[in-house]
Amino acid sequence: MMTIVAGFVFVATALGCLVFAVRERRLISRLQRYGVHGWGTVTRAVVHDTTQHPVIAFTDHAGHHIEFTPQVAGIGLRLTVGQQVPIAYLDGQPQAARVFTARYRVLPSVLTGMGGLIFLVAGIAVILAGNRP
């Protein structure tokens, strides 16, 4: 019985990962089509749980100074202080800006989607193993 519950926890985690991946991919598509594109500058790095997150500053089209920290960080997504990076945001939502490099557009959704598929396969395997007589 516990293995079946564990299997369902894996499947629920998988569904969460897959929903995030699809949502992220849709947002990137909207940003490509309708987003306001510009450049930001990495002003500093903030440490969260031993991971460095860059703080990016830019001026939106209304002239407001905006700072944001990318939602994802990790290997292959490092930015150095002083670096200029392309950014994009939906009109009227500059606080929700995203770094718009190829790596930041692709890696989060692909890696989360792959993780979701791994959890799904593991969950199904655990559920099937728990149902064997």
Protein backbone atom coordinates (compact mmCIF):
# COMPACT_ATOMS: atom_id res chain seq x y z
CA MET A 1 0.00 0.00 0.00
CA MET A 2 2.82 2.43 0.85
CA THR A 3 4.49 1.79 -2.51
CA ILE A 4 1.31 2.78 -4.32
CA VAL A 5 1.11 6.01 -2.31
CA ALA A 6 4.76 6.71 -3.10
CA GLY A 7 4.01 6.06 -6.77
CA PHE A 8 1.19 8.58 -6.73
CA VAL A 9 3.47 11.13 -5.06
CA PHE A 10 5.95 10.61 -7.92
CA VAL A 11 3.17 11.01 -10.49
CA ALA A 12 1.88 14.18 -8.78
CA THR A 13 5.41 15.61 -8.78
CA ALA A 14 5.74 14.70 -12.44
CA LEU A 15 2.51 16.48 -13.30
CA GLY A 16 3.68 19.59 -11.43
CA CYS A 17 6.97 19.59 -13.35
CA LEU A 18 5.23 19.06 -16.68
CA VAL A 19 2.72 21.86 -16.00
CA PHE A 20 5.59 24.21 -15.13
CA ALA A 21 7.47 23.24 -18.31
CA VAL A 22 4.44 23.84 -20.54
CA ARG A 23 3.61 27.12 -18.78
CA GLU A 24 7.21 28.31 -19.16
CA ARG A 25 7.29 27.35 -22.85
CA ARG A 26 4.03 29.22 -23.50
CA LEU A 27 5.34 32.31 -21.73
CA ILE A 28 8.52 32.28 -23.80
CA SER A 29 6.43 32.01 -26.97
CA ARG A 30 4.32 34.99 -25.88
CA LEU A 31 7.47 36.97 -25.08
CA GLN A 32 8.91 36.19 -28.52
CA ARG A 33 5.75 37.36 -30.29
CA TYR A 34 4.41 40.18 -28.12
CA GLY A 35 7.13 41.02 -25.61
CA VAL A 36 8.93 44.30 -25.13
CA HIS A 37 12.59 43.55 -25.78
CA GLY A 38 15.57 45.45 -24.43
CA TRP A 39 18.86 45.16 -22.60
CA GLY A 40 19.65 44.91 -18.93
CA THR A 41 22.86 45.00 -16.94
CA VAL A 42 23.85 42.53 -14.24
CA THR A 43 24.44 44.84 -11.27
CA ARG A 44 25.26 42.35 -8.50
CA ALA A 45 24.81 38.77 -7.36
CA VAL A 46 22.69 37.67 -4.42
CA VAL A 47 23.27 34.32 -2.69
CA HIS A 48 20.18 32.16 -2.06
CA ASP A 49 20.84 28.76 -0.45
CA THR A 50 24.45 28.60 -1.71
CA THR A 51 23.37 29.49 -5.28
CA GLN A 52 24.25 32.85 -6.77
CA HIS A 53 21.42 34.70 -8.51
CA PRO A 54 22.24 37.74 -10.62
CA VAL A 55 20.31 40.98 -10.13
CA ILE A 56 19.55 42.60 -13.47
CA ALA A 57 18.64 46.28 -13.83
CA PHE A 58 17.03 47.98 -16.81
CA THR A 59 14.83 50.94 -17.67
CA ASP A 60 11.39 50.07 -19.07
CA HIS A 61 9.82 51.92 -21.99
CA ALA A 62 8.03 54.26 -19.51
CA GLY A 63 11.38 55.29 -18.00
CA HIS A 64 11.07 53.38 -14.71
CA HIS A 65 14.17 51.76 -13.19
CA ILE A 66 13.44 48.02 -12.73
CA GLU A 67 15.55 45.36 -11.01
CA PHE A 68 14.81 41.65 -11.08
CA THR A 69 16.37 38.32 -10.29
CA PRO A 70 15.89 35.48 -12.80
CA GLN A 71 13.62 32.75 -11.50
CA VAL A 72 16.07 30.02 -12.44
CA ALA A 73 19.78 29.62 -11.78
CA GLY A 74 22.27 26.87 -12.19
CA ILE A 75 25.11 25.50 -14.24
CA GLY A 76 25.10 27.03 -17.70
CA LEU A 77 22.99 29.98 -16.58
CA ARG A 78 25.66 32.07 -14.88
CA LEU A 79 25.87 35.76 -15.60
CA THR A 80 28.74 38.00 -14.52
CA VAL A 81 28.45 41.41 -12.88
CA GLY A 82 28.60 44.15 -15.50
CA GLN A 83 27.41 41.87 -18.31
CA GLN A 84 24.76 43.22 -20.70
CA VAL A 85 21.95 40.71 -21.30
CA PRO A 86 18.89 40.74 -23.53
CA ILE A 87 15.63 40.93 -21.56
CA ALA A 88 11.95 40.71 -22.47
CA TYR A 89 8.71 41.37 -20.65
CA LEU A 90 5.04 41.60 -21.49
CA ASP A 91 3.73 45.13 -21.93
CA GLY A 92 2.66 46.52 -18.57
CA GLN A 93 4.54 43.84 -16.60
CA PRO A 94 8.19 44.94 -16.48
CA GLN A 95 8.61 43.46 -12.97
CA ALA A 96 8.06 40.02 -14.55
CA ALA A 97 10.95 40.44 -17.00
CA ARG A 98 12.96 37.45 -18.15
CA VAL A 99 16.52 37.08 -19.33
CA PHE A 100 16.11 36.37 -23.01
CA THR A 101 19.26 34.47 -23.97
CA ALA A 102 18.91 31.12 -25.73
CA ARG A 103 19.92 29.23 -22.60
CA TYR A 104 17.42 31.03 -20.37
CA ARG A 105 14.67 30.48 -22.97
CA VAL A 106 15.28 26.76 -23.47
CA LEU A 107 16.96 25.11 -20.48
CA PRO A 108 14.31 25.68 -17.75
CA SER A 109 11.43 24.19 -19.73
CA VAL A 110 13.47 21.36 -21.24
CA LEU A 111 15.14 20.28 -18.00
CA THR A 112 11.92 20.55 -16.00
CA GLY A 113 10.05 18.62 -18.69
CA MET A 114 12.68 15.88 -18.70
CA GLY A 115 12.59 15.72 -14.91
CA GLY A 116 8.81 15.46 -15.06
CA LEU A 117 9.01 12.55 -17.49
CA ILE A 118 11.53 10.77 -15.27
CA PHE A 119 9.25 11.20 -12.24
CA LEU A 120 6.27 9.97 -14.29
CA VAL A 121 8.06 6.81 -15.43
CA ALA A 122 9.32 6.17 -11.88
CA GLY A 123 5.86 6.72 -10.44
CA ILE A 124 4.22 4.35 -12.88
CA ALA A 125 6.91 1.74 -12.23
CA VAL A 126 6.40 2.04 -8.46
CA ILE A 127 2.61 1.79 -8.79
CA LEU A 128 2.86 -1.28 -11.04
CA ALA A 129 5.40 -2.90 -8.70
CA GLY A 130 3.06 -2.30 -5.75
CA ASN A 131 0.14 -3.96 -7.57
CA ARG A 132 1.94 -7.25 -8.21
CA PRO A 133 0.52 -10.20 -6.31
